[in-house]
Amino acid sequence: GLFCNLLNPKVVLFVLTFFPQFMDAALPAGPQLALMGVTWAFLGLAWLAVLVLMMDRIRPVFGRPAFQRWLNRTMGVILILFGLRLAAARS
């Protein structure tokens, strides 16, 4: 995940445009950027932990064959509708 974010130009552009707004020009930039980076990493980790806990709770629902059939049919219909919309837009 770290290399993915470091090599992703969107993340770099986000950091370069968003972080400087919250920096104090009178203080050294390095510690401020480090604090913001650690805060961002902590918030990301907390969000992923909550997401994992929520997914663990609903995992039994996704394991039910009836739910899997419903999900496959629903997604199939959605993809067909997207395809029809694309075909209509091209003509």
PDB file of N, CA and C in Angstrom:
ATOM      1  N   GLY A   1       0.803  -1.184   0.000  1.00  0.00           N
ATOM      2  CA  GLY A   1       0.000   0.000   0.000  1.00  0.00           C
ATOM      3  C   GLY A   1       0.859   1.267   0.000  1.00  0.00           C
ATOM      4  N   LEU A   2       1.975   1.213   0.736  1.00  0.00           N
ATOM      5  CA  LEU A   2       2.851   2.385   0.803  1.00  0.00           C
ATOM      6  C   LEU A   2       3.420   2.706  -0.571  1.00  0.00           C
ATOM      7  N   PHE A   3       3.949   1.689  -1.259  1.00  0.00           N
ATOM      8  CA  PHE A   3       4.535   1.928  -2.586  1.00  0.00           C
ATOM      9  C   PHE A   3       3.461   2.347  -3.586  1.00  0.00           C
ATOM     10  N   CYS A   4       2.281   1.803  -3.453  1.00  0.00           N
ATOM     11  CA  CYS A   4       1.177   2.182  -4.336  1.00  0.00           C
ATOM     12  C   CYS A   4       0.868   3.672  -4.171  1.00  0.00           C
ATOM     13  N   ASN A   5       0.811   4.144  -2.934  1.00  0.00           N
ATOM     14  CA  ASN A   5       0.533   5.560  -2.702  1.00  0.00           C
ATOM     15  C   ASN A   5       1.702   6.446  -3.113  1.00  0.00           C
ATOM     16  N   LEU A   6       2.921   5.986  -2.860  1.00  0.00           N
ATOM     17  CA  LEU A   6       4.080   6.803  -3.221  1.00  0.00           C
ATOM     18  C   LEU A   6       4.245   6.928  -4.731  1.00  0.00           C
ATOM     19  N   LEU A   7       3.872   5.888  -5.456  1.00  0.00           N
ATOM     20  CA  LEU A   7       4.025   5.903  -6.911  1.00  0.00           C
ATOM     21  C   LEU A   7       2.787   6.428  -7.631  1.00  0.00           C
ATOM     22  N   ASN A   8       1.736   6.714  -6.889  1.00  0.00           N
ATOM     23  CA  ASN A   8       0.497   7.197  -7.485  1.00  0.00           C
ATOM     24  C   ASN A   8       0.557   8.721  -7.595  1.00  0.00           C
ATOM     25  N   PRO A   9       0.548   9.254  -8.807  1.00  0.00           N
ATOM     26  CA  PRO A   9       0.667  10.707  -8.940  1.00  0.00           C
ATOM     27  C   PRO A   9      -0.519  11.465  -8.335  1.00  0.00           C
ATOM     28  N   LYS A  10      -1.696  10.849  -8.273  1.00  0.00           N
ATOM     29  CA  LYS A  10      -2.848  11.536  -7.685  1.00  0.00           C
ATOM     30  C   LYS A  10      -2.630  11.791  -6.197  1.00  0.00           C
ATOM     31  N   VAL A  11      -2.028  10.836  -5.504  1.00  0.00           N
ATOM     32  CA  VAL A  11      -1.774  11.008  -4.074  1.00  0.00           C
ATOM     33  C   VAL A  11      -0.736  12.107  -3.865  1.00  0.00           C
ATOM     34  N   VAL A  12       0.306  12.099  -4.669  1.00  0.00           N
ATOM     35  CA  VAL A  12       1.348  13.125  -4.550  1.00  0.00           C
ATOM     36  C   VAL A  12       0.757  14.510  -4.806  1.00  0.00           C
ATOM     37  N   LEU A  13      -0.061  14.640  -5.849  1.00  0.00           N
ATOM     38  CA  LEU A  13      -0.683  15.934  -6.138  1.00  0.00           C
ATOM     39  C   LEU A  13      -1.629  16.361  -5.014  1.00  0.00           C
ATOM     40  N   PHE A  14      -2.355  15.417  -4.452  1.00  0.00           N
ATOM     41  CA  PHE A  14      -3.240  15.742  -3.331  1.00  0.00           C
ATOM     42  C   PHE A  14      -2.439  16.290  -2.156  1.00  0.00           C
ATOM     43  N   VAL A  15      -1.372  15.597  -1.801  1.00  0.00           N
ATOM     44  CA  VAL A  15      -0.556  16.028  -0.661  1.00  0.00           C
ATOM     45  C   VAL A  15       0.064  17.392  -0.935  1.00  0.00           C
ATOM     46  N   LEU A  16       0.592  17.584  -2.140  1.00  0.00           N
ATOM     47  CA  LEU A  16       1.251  18.855  -2.463  1.00  0.00           C
ATOM     48  C   LEU A  16       0.278  20.025  -2.514  1.00  0.00           C
ATOM     49  N   THR A  17      -0.991  19.780  -2.834  1.00  0.00           N
ATOM     50  CA  THR A  17      -1.949  20.876  -2.909  1.00  0.00           C
ATOM     51  C   THR A  17      -2.750  21.057  -1.619  1.00  0.00           C
ATOM     52  N   PHE A  18      -2.948  19.994  -0.859  1.00  0.00           N
ATOM     53  CA  PHE A  18      -3.818  20.063   0.313  1.00  0.00           C
ATOM     54  C   PHE A  18      -3.056  20.389   1.598  1.00  0.00           C
ATOM     55  N   PHE A  19      -1.937  19.741   1.823  1.00  0.00           N
ATOM     56  CA  PHE A  19      -1.202  19.918   3.081  1.00  0.00           C
ATOM     57  C   PHE A  19      -0.686  21.344   3.310  1.00  0.00           C
ATOM     58  N   PRO A  20      -0.123  22.028   2.313  1.00  0.00           N
ATOM     59  CA  PRO A  20       0.436  23.362   2.579  1.00  0.00           C
ATOM     60  C   PRO A  20      -0.583  24.370   3.128  1.00  0.00           C
ATOM     61  N   GLN A  21      -1.857  24.161   2.886  1.00  0.00           N
ATOM     62  CA  GLN A  21      -2.872  25.078   3.402  1.00  0.00           C
ATOM     63  C   GLN A  21      -2.876  25.127   4.927  1.00  0.00           C
ATOM     64  N   PHE A  22      -2.438  24.048   5.546  1.00  0.00           N
ATOM     65  CA  PHE A  22      -2.520  23.928   6.993  1.00  0.00           C
ATOM     66  C   PHE A  22      -1.169  24.094   7.684  1.00  0.00           C
ATOM     67  N   MET A  23      -0.193  24.587   6.945  1.00  0.00           N
ATOM     68  CA  MET A  23       1.141  24.764   7.516  1.00  0.00           C
ATOM     69  C   MET A  23       1.330  26.208   7.971  1.00  0.00           C
ATOM     70  N   ASP A  24       2.041  26.366   9.065  1.00  0.00           N
ATOM     71  CA  ASP A  24       2.388  27.687   9.578  1.00  0.00           C
ATOM     72  C   ASP A  24       3.735  28.076   8.985  1.00  0.00           C
ATOM     73  N   ALA A  25       3.772  29.188   8.284  1.00  0.00           N
ATOM     74  CA  ALA A  25       5.003  29.626   7.612  1.00  0.00           C
ATOM     75  C   ALA A  25       6.116  29.968   8.598  1.00  0.00           C
ATOM     76  N   ALA A  26       5.750  30.275   9.836  1.00  0.00           N
ATOM     77  CA  ALA A  26       6.756  30.648  10.833  1.00  0.00           C
ATOM     78  C   ALA A  26       7.472  29.441  11.431  1.00  0.00           C
ATOM     79  N   LEU A  27       6.932  28.255  11.239  1.00  0.00           N
ATOM     80  CA  LEU A  27       7.519  27.035  11.801  1.00  0.00           C
ATOM     81  C   LEU A  27       8.203  26.217  10.712  1.00  0.00           C
ATOM     82  N   PRO A  28       9.151  25.333  11.090  1.00  0.00           N
ATOM     83  CA  PRO A  28       9.813  24.500  10.090  1.00  0.00           C
ATOM     84  C   PRO A  28       8.809  23.567   9.391  1.00  0.00           C
ATOM     85  N   ALA A  29       8.992  23.393   8.095  1.00  0.00           N
ATOM     86  CA  ALA A  29       8.042  22.621   7.296  1.00  0.00           C
ATOM     87  C   ALA A  29       8.131  21.118   7.570  1.00  0.00           C
ATOM     88  N   GLY A  30       9.330  20.606   7.792  1.00  0.00           N
ATOM     89  CA  GLY A  30       9.514  19.160   7.955  1.00  0.00           C
ATOM     90  C   GLY A  30       8.677  18.550   9.063  1.00  0.00           C
ATOM     91  N   PRO A  31       8.787  19.062  10.290  1.00  0.00           N
ATOM     92  CA  PRO A  31       7.973  18.481  11.365  1.00  0.00           C
ATOM     93  C   PRO A  31       6.469  18.613  11.136  1.00  0.00           C
ATOM     94  N   GLN A  32       6.057  19.731  10.534  1.00  0.00           N
ATOM     95  CA  GLN A  32       4.636  19.902  10.256  1.00  0.00           C
ATOM     96  C   GLN A  32       4.138  18.859   9.250  1.00  0.00           C
ATOM     97  N   LEU A  33       4.917  18.666   8.185  1.00  0.00           N
ATOM     98  CA  LEU A  33       4.539  17.656   7.186  1.00  0.00           C
ATOM     99  C   LEU A  33       4.546  16.257   7.792  1.00  0.00           C
ATOM    100  N   ALA A  34       5.524  15.991   8.651  1.00  0.00           N
ATOM    101  CA  ALA A  34       5.593  14.677   9.288  1.00  0.00           C
ATOM    102  C   ALA A  34       4.377  14.446  10.176  1.00  0.00           C
ATOM    103  N   LEU A  35       3.987  15.460  10.935  1.00  0.00           N
ATOM    104  CA  LEU A  35       2.807  15.331  11.800  1.00  0.00           C
ATOM    105  C   LEU A  35       1.549  15.109  10.974  1.00  0.00           C
ATOM    106  N   MET A  36       1.404  15.863   9.894  1.00  0.00           N
ATOM    107  CA  MET A  36       0.231  15.666   9.035  1.00  0.00           C
ATOM    108  C   MET A  36       0.236  14.293   8.384  1.00  0.00           C
ATOM    109  N   GLY A  37       1.412  13.827   7.984  1.00  0.00           N
ATOM    110  CA  GLY A  37       1.515  12.495   7.385  1.00  0.00           C
ATOM    111  C   GLY A  37       1.168  11.397   8.368  1.00  0.00           C
ATOM    112  N   VAL A  38       1.666  11.513   9.592  1.00  0.00           N
ATOM    113  CA  VAL A  38       1.351  10.520  10.624  1.00  0.00           C
ATOM    114  C   VAL A  38      -0.139  10.552  10.957  1.00  0.00           C
ATOM    115  N   THR A  39      -0.711  11.760  11.022  1.00  0.00           N
ATOM    116  CA  THR A  39      -2.148  11.885  11.288  1.00  0.00           C
ATOM    117  C   THR A  39      -2.955  11.238  10.178  1.00  0.00           C
ATOM    118  N   TRP A  40      -2.575  11.496   8.927  1.00  0.00           N
ATOM    119  CA  TRP A  40      -3.265  10.918   7.774  1.00  0.00           C
ATOM    120  C   TRP A  40      -3.152   9.393   7.801  1.00  0.00           C
ATOM    121  N   ALA A  41      -1.970   8.881   8.110  1.00  0.00           N
ATOM    122  CA  ALA A  41      -1.773   7.432   8.184  1.00  0.00           C
ATOM    123  C   ALA A  41      -2.610   6.816   9.306  1.00  0.00           C
ATOM    124  N   PHE A  42      -2.655   7.479  10.462  1.00  0.00           N
ATOM    125  CA  PHE A  42      -3.455   6.975  11.581  1.00  0.00           C
ATOM    126  C   PHE A  42      -4.939   6.953  11.231  1.00  0.00           C
ATOM    127  N   LEU A  43      -5.429   8.027  10.622  1.00  0.00           N
ATOM    128  CA  LEU A  43      -6.842   8.063  10.236  1.00  0.00           C
ATOM    129  C   LEU A  43      -7.160   6.989   9.195  1.00  0.00           C
ATOM    130  N   GLY A  44      -6.256   6.780   8.261  1.00  0.00           N
ATOM    131  CA  GLY A  44      -6.457   5.723   7.267  1.00  0.00           C
ATOM    132  C   GLY A  44      -6.485   4.352   7.918  1.00  0.00           C
ATOM    133  N   LEU A  45      -5.581   4.117   8.852  1.00  0.00           N
ATOM    134  CA  LEU A  45      -5.545   2.835   9.558  1.00  0.00           C
ATOM    135  C   LEU A  45      -6.801   2.634  10.402  1.00  0.00           C
ATOM    136  N   ALA A  46      -7.252   3.687  11.060  1.00  0.00           N
ATOM    137  CA  ALA A  46      -8.478   3.588  11.867  1.00  0.00           C
ATOM    138  C   ALA A  46      -9.681   3.276  10.982  1.00  0.00           C
ATOM    139  N   TRP A  47      -9.774   3.941   9.827  1.00  0.00           N
ATOM    140  CA  TRP A  47     -10.878   3.690   8.909  1.00  0.00           C
ATOM    141  C   TRP A  47     -10.841   2.242   8.410  1.00  0.00           C
ATOM    142  N   LEU A  48      -9.675   1.757   8.047  1.00  0.00           N
ATOM    143  CA  LEU A  48      -9.576   0.384   7.563  1.00  0.00           C
ATOM    144  C   LEU A  48      -9.905  -0.622   8.662  1.00  0.00           C
ATOM    145  N   ALA A  49      -9.531  -0.322   9.898  1.00  0.00           N
ATOM    146  CA  ALA A  49      -9.872  -1.215  11.011  1.00  0.00           C
ATOM    147  C   ALA A  49     -11.387  -1.278  11.205  1.00  0.00           C
ATOM    148  N   VAL A  50     -12.056  -0.128  11.138  1.00  0.00           N
ATOM    149  CA  VAL A  50     -13.518  -0.111  11.253  1.00  0.00           C
ATOM    150  C   VAL A  50     -14.140  -0.882  10.102  1.00  0.00           C
ATOM    151  N   LEU A  51     -13.615  -0.692   8.901  1.00  0.00           N
ATOM    152  CA  LEU A  51     -14.128  -1.398   7.731  1.00  0.00           C
ATOM    153  C   LEU A  51     -13.977  -2.912   7.877  1.00  0.00           C
ATOM    154  N   VAL A  52     -12.832  -3.359   8.376  1.00  0.00           N
ATOM    155  CA  VAL A  52     -12.606  -4.790   8.582  1.00  0.00           C
ATOM    156  C   VAL A  52     -13.579  -5.345   9.619  1.00  0.00           C
ATOM    157  N   LEU A  53     -13.784  -4.619  10.711  1.00  0.00           N
ATOM    158  CA  LEU A  53     -14.726  -5.077  11.734  1.00  0.00           C
ATOM    159  C   LEU A  53     -16.151  -5.157  11.192  1.00  0.00           C
ATOM    160  N   MET A  54     -16.554  -4.174  10.407  1.00  0.00           N
ATOM    161  CA  MET A  54     -17.896  -4.209   9.825  1.00  0.00           C
ATOM    162  C   MET A  54     -18.041  -5.364   8.845  1.00  0.00           C
ATOM    163  N   MET A  55     -17.046  -5.582   8.015  1.00  0.00           N
ATOM    164  CA  MET A  55     -17.114  -6.665   7.035  1.00  0.00           C
ATOM    165  C   MET A  55     -17.110  -8.026   7.721  1.00  0.00           C
ATOM    166  N   ASP A  56     -16.401  -8.129   8.839  1.00  0.00           N
ATOM    167  CA  ASP A  56     -16.396  -9.394   9.579  1.00  0.00           C
ATOM    168  C   ASP A  56     -17.792  -9.707  10.117  1.00  0.00           C
ATOM    169  N   ARG A  57     -18.511  -8.673  10.504  1.00  0.00           N
ATOM    170  CA  ARG A  57     -19.869  -8.864  11.021  1.00  0.00           C
ATOM    171  C   ARG A  57     -20.839  -9.332   9.947  1.00  0.00           C
ATOM    172  N   ILE A  58     -20.701  -8.796   8.712  1.00  0.00           N
ATOM    173  CA  ILE A  58     -21.665  -9.154   7.669  1.00  0.00           C
ATOM    174  C   ILE A  58     -21.194 -10.288   6.763  1.00  0.00           C
ATOM    175  N   ARG A  59     -20.026 -10.846   7.052  1.00  0.00           N
ATOM    176  CA  ARG A  59     -19.501 -11.939   6.229  1.00  0.00           C
ATOM    177  C   ARG A  59     -20.447 -13.121   6.139  1.00  0.00           C
ATOM    178  N   PRO A  60     -21.121 -13.534   7.211  1.00  0.00           N
ATOM    179  CA  PRO A  60     -22.044 -14.663   7.082  1.00  0.00           C
ATOM    180  C   PRO A  60     -23.163 -14.428   6.057  1.00  0.00           C
ATOM    181  N   VAL A  61     -23.594 -13.187   5.920  1.00  0.00           N
ATOM    182  CA  VAL A  61     -24.641 -12.875   4.939  1.00  0.00           C
ATOM    183  C   VAL A  61     -24.128 -13.140   3.532  1.00  0.00           C
ATOM    184  N   PHE A  62     -22.894 -12.732   3.252  1.00  0.00           N
ATOM    185  CA  PHE A  62     -22.322 -12.926   1.918  1.00  0.00           C
ATOM    186  C   PHE A  62     -22.055 -14.394   1.609  1.00  0.00           C
ATOM    187  N   GLY A  63     -21.960 -15.222   2.624  1.00  0.00           N
ATOM    188  CA  GLY A  63     -21.720 -16.641   2.418  1.00  0.00           C
ATOM    189  C   GLY A  63     -22.969 -17.438   2.087  1.00  0.00           C
ATOM    190  N   ARG A  64     -24.131 -16.854   2.263  1.00  0.00           N
ATOM    191  CA  ARG A  64     -25.382 -17.568   1.987  1.00  0.00           C
ATOM    192  C   ARG A  64     -25.594 -17.711   0.481  1.00  0.00           C
ATOM    193  N   PRO A  65     -25.921 -18.919   0.019  1.00  0.00           N
ATOM    194  CA  PRO A  65     -26.156 -19.118  -1.421  1.00  0.00           C
ATOM    195  C   PRO A  65     -27.288 -18.250  -1.970  1.00  0.00           C
ATOM    196  N   ALA A  66     -28.346 -18.041  -1.197  1.00  0.00           N
ATOM    197  CA  ALA A  66     -29.462 -17.221  -1.676  1.00  0.00           C
ATOM    198  C   ALA A  66     -29.013 -15.780  -1.906  1.00  0.00           C
ATOM    199  N   PHE A  67     -28.186 -15.255  -1.012  1.00  0.00           N
ATOM    200  CA  PHE A  67     -27.686 -13.888  -1.169  1.00  0.00           C
ATOM    201  C   PHE A  67     -26.752 -13.801  -2.379  1.00  0.00           C
ATOM    202  N   GLN A  68     -25.914 -14.810  -2.569  1.00  0.00           N
ATOM    203  CA  GLN A  68     -24.995 -14.804  -3.706  1.00  0.00           C
ATOM    204  C   GLN A  68     -25.764 -14.835  -5.024  1.00  0.00           C
ATOM    205  N   ARG A  69     -26.834 -15.632  -5.090  1.00  0.00           N
ATOM    206  CA  ARG A  69     -27.657 -15.665  -6.303  1.00  0.00           C
ATOM    207  C   ARG A  69     -28.282 -14.288  -6.548  1.00  0.00           C
ATOM    208  N   TRP A  70     -28.851 -13.691  -5.503  1.00  0.00           N
ATOM    209  CA  TRP A  70     -29.468 -12.376  -5.640  1.00  0.00           C
ATOM    210  C   TRP A  70     -28.440 -11.339  -6.095  1.00  0.00           C
ATOM    211  N   LEU A  71     -27.253 -11.367  -5.490  1.00  0.00           N
ATOM    212  CA  LEU A  71     -26.212 -10.404  -5.840  1.00  0.00           C
ATOM    213  C   LEU A  71     -25.758 -10.587  -7.286  1.00  0.00           C
ATOM    214  N   ASN A  72     -25.565 -11.840  -7.718  1.00  0.00           N
ATOM    215  CA  ASN A  72     -25.161 -12.100  -9.105  1.00  0.00           C
ATOM    216  C   ASN A  72     -26.219 -11.619 -10.084  1.00  0.00           C
ATOM    217  N   ARG A  73     -27.478 -11.871  -9.796  1.00  0.00           N
ATOM    218  CA  ARG A  73     -28.557 -11.441 -10.699  1.00  0.00           C
ATOM    219  C   ARG A  73     -28.664  -9.921 -10.731  1.00  0.00           C
ATOM    220  N   THR A  74     -28.577  -9.303  -9.575  1.00  0.00           N
ATOM    221  CA  THR A  74     -28.680  -7.843  -9.512  1.00  0.00           C
ATOM    222  C   THR A  74     -27.530  -7.188 -10.273  1.00  0.00           C
ATOM    223  N   MET A  75     -26.323  -7.656 -10.051  1.00  0.00           N
ATOM    224  CA  MET A  75     -25.169  -7.076 -10.750  1.00  0.00           C
ATOM    225  C   MET A  75     -25.247  -7.358 -12.251  1.00  0.00           C
ATOM    226  N   GLY A  76     -25.759  -8.520 -12.627  1.00  0.00           N
ATOM    227  CA  GLY A  76     -25.936  -8.833 -14.047  1.00  0.00           C
ATOM    228  C   GLY A  76     -26.899  -7.869 -14.709  1.00  0.00           C
ATOM    229  N   VAL A  77     -28.011  -7.584 -14.048  1.00  0.00           N
ATOM    230  CA  VAL A  77     -28.987  -6.638 -14.593  1.00  0.00           C
ATOM    231  C   VAL A  77     -28.374  -5.250 -14.711  1.00  0.00           C
ATOM    232  N   ILE A  78     -27.632  -4.836 -13.703  1.00  0.00           N
ATOM    233  CA  ILE A  78     -26.997  -3.515 -13.747  1.00  0.00           C
ATOM    234  C   ILE A  78     -26.000  -3.422 -14.901  1.00  0.00           C
ATOM    235  N   LEU A  79     -25.199  -4.460 -15.083  1.00  0.00           N
ATOM    236  CA  LEU A  79     -24.227  -4.438 -16.183  1.00  0.00           C
ATOM    237  C   LEU A  79     -24.923  -4.437 -17.547  1.00  0.00           C
ATOM    238  N   ILE A  80     -26.002  -5.178 -17.675  1.00  0.00           N
ATOM    239  CA  ILE A  80     -26.761  -5.175 -18.938  1.00  0.00           C
ATOM    240  C   ILE A  80     -27.330  -3.780 -19.200  1.00  0.00           C
ATOM    241  N   LEU A  81     -27.874  -3.140 -18.154  1.00  0.00           N
ATOM    242  CA  LEU A  81     -28.408  -1.787 -18.323  1.00  0.00           C
ATOM    243  C   LEU A  81     -27.310  -0.794 -18.710  1.00  0.00           C
ATOM    244  N   PHE A  82     -26.133  -0.914 -18.105  1.00  0.00           N
ATOM    245  CA  PHE A  82     -25.011  -0.064 -18.517  1.00  0.00           C
ATOM    246  C   PHE A  82     -24.646  -0.302 -19.967  1.00  0.00           C
ATOM    247  N   GLY A  83     -24.629  -1.555 -20.388  1.00  0.00           N
ATOM    248  CA  GLY A  83     -24.316  -1.868 -21.768  1.00  0.00           C
ATOM    249  C   GLY A  83     -25.352  -1.296 -22.732  1.00  0.00           C
ATOM    250  N   LEU A  84     -26.619  -1.395 -22.375  1.00  0.00           N
ATOM    251  CA  LEU A  84     -27.681  -0.827 -23.226  1.00  0.00           C
ATOM    252  C   LEU A  84     -27.564   0.695 -23.299  1.00  0.00           C
ATOM    253  N   ARG A  85     -27.260   1.309 -22.174  1.00  0.00           N
ATOM    254  CA  ARG A  85     -27.092   2.761 -22.183  1.00  0.00           C
ATOM    255  C   ARG A  85     -25.905   3.185 -23.048  1.00  0.00           C
ATOM    256  N   LEU A  86     -24.828   2.435 -22.957  1.00  0.00           N
ATOM    257  CA  LEU A  86     -23.663   2.732 -23.791  1.00  0.00           C
ATOM    258  C   LEU A  86     -23.981   2.538 -25.267  1.00  0.00           C
ATOM    259  N   ALA A  87     -24.690   1.452 -25.588  1.00  0.00           N
ATOM    260  CA  ALA A  87     -25.057   1.193 -26.972  1.00  0.00           C
ATOM    261  C   ALA A  87     -25.983   2.298 -27.495  1.00  0.00           C
ATOM    262  N   ALA A  88     -26.899   2.775 -26.668  1.00  0.00           N
ATOM    263  CA  ALA A  88     -27.815   3.835 -27.082  1.00  0.00           C
ATOM    264  C   ALA A  88     -27.067   5.157 -27.281  1.00  0.00           C
ATOM    265  N   ALA A  89     -26.061   5.390 -26.466  1.00  0.00           N
ATOM    266  CA  ALA A  89     -25.302   6.635 -26.572  1.00  0.00           C
ATOM    267  C   ALA A  89     -24.420   6.660 -27.819  1.00  0.00           C
ATOM    268  N   ARG A  90     -23.983   5.506 -28.273  1.00  0.00           N
ATOM    269  CA  ARG A  90     -23.109   5.419 -29.451  1.00  0.00           C
ATOM    270  C   ARG A  90     -23.866   5.581 -30.760  1.00  0.00           C
ATOM    271  N   SER A  91     -25.173   5.318 -30.744  1.00  0.00           N
ATOM    272  CA  SER A  91     -25.907   5.372 -32.008  1.00  0.00           C
ATOM    273  C   SER A  91     -26.578   6.694 -32.251  1.00  0.00           C
TER     274      SER A  91
END
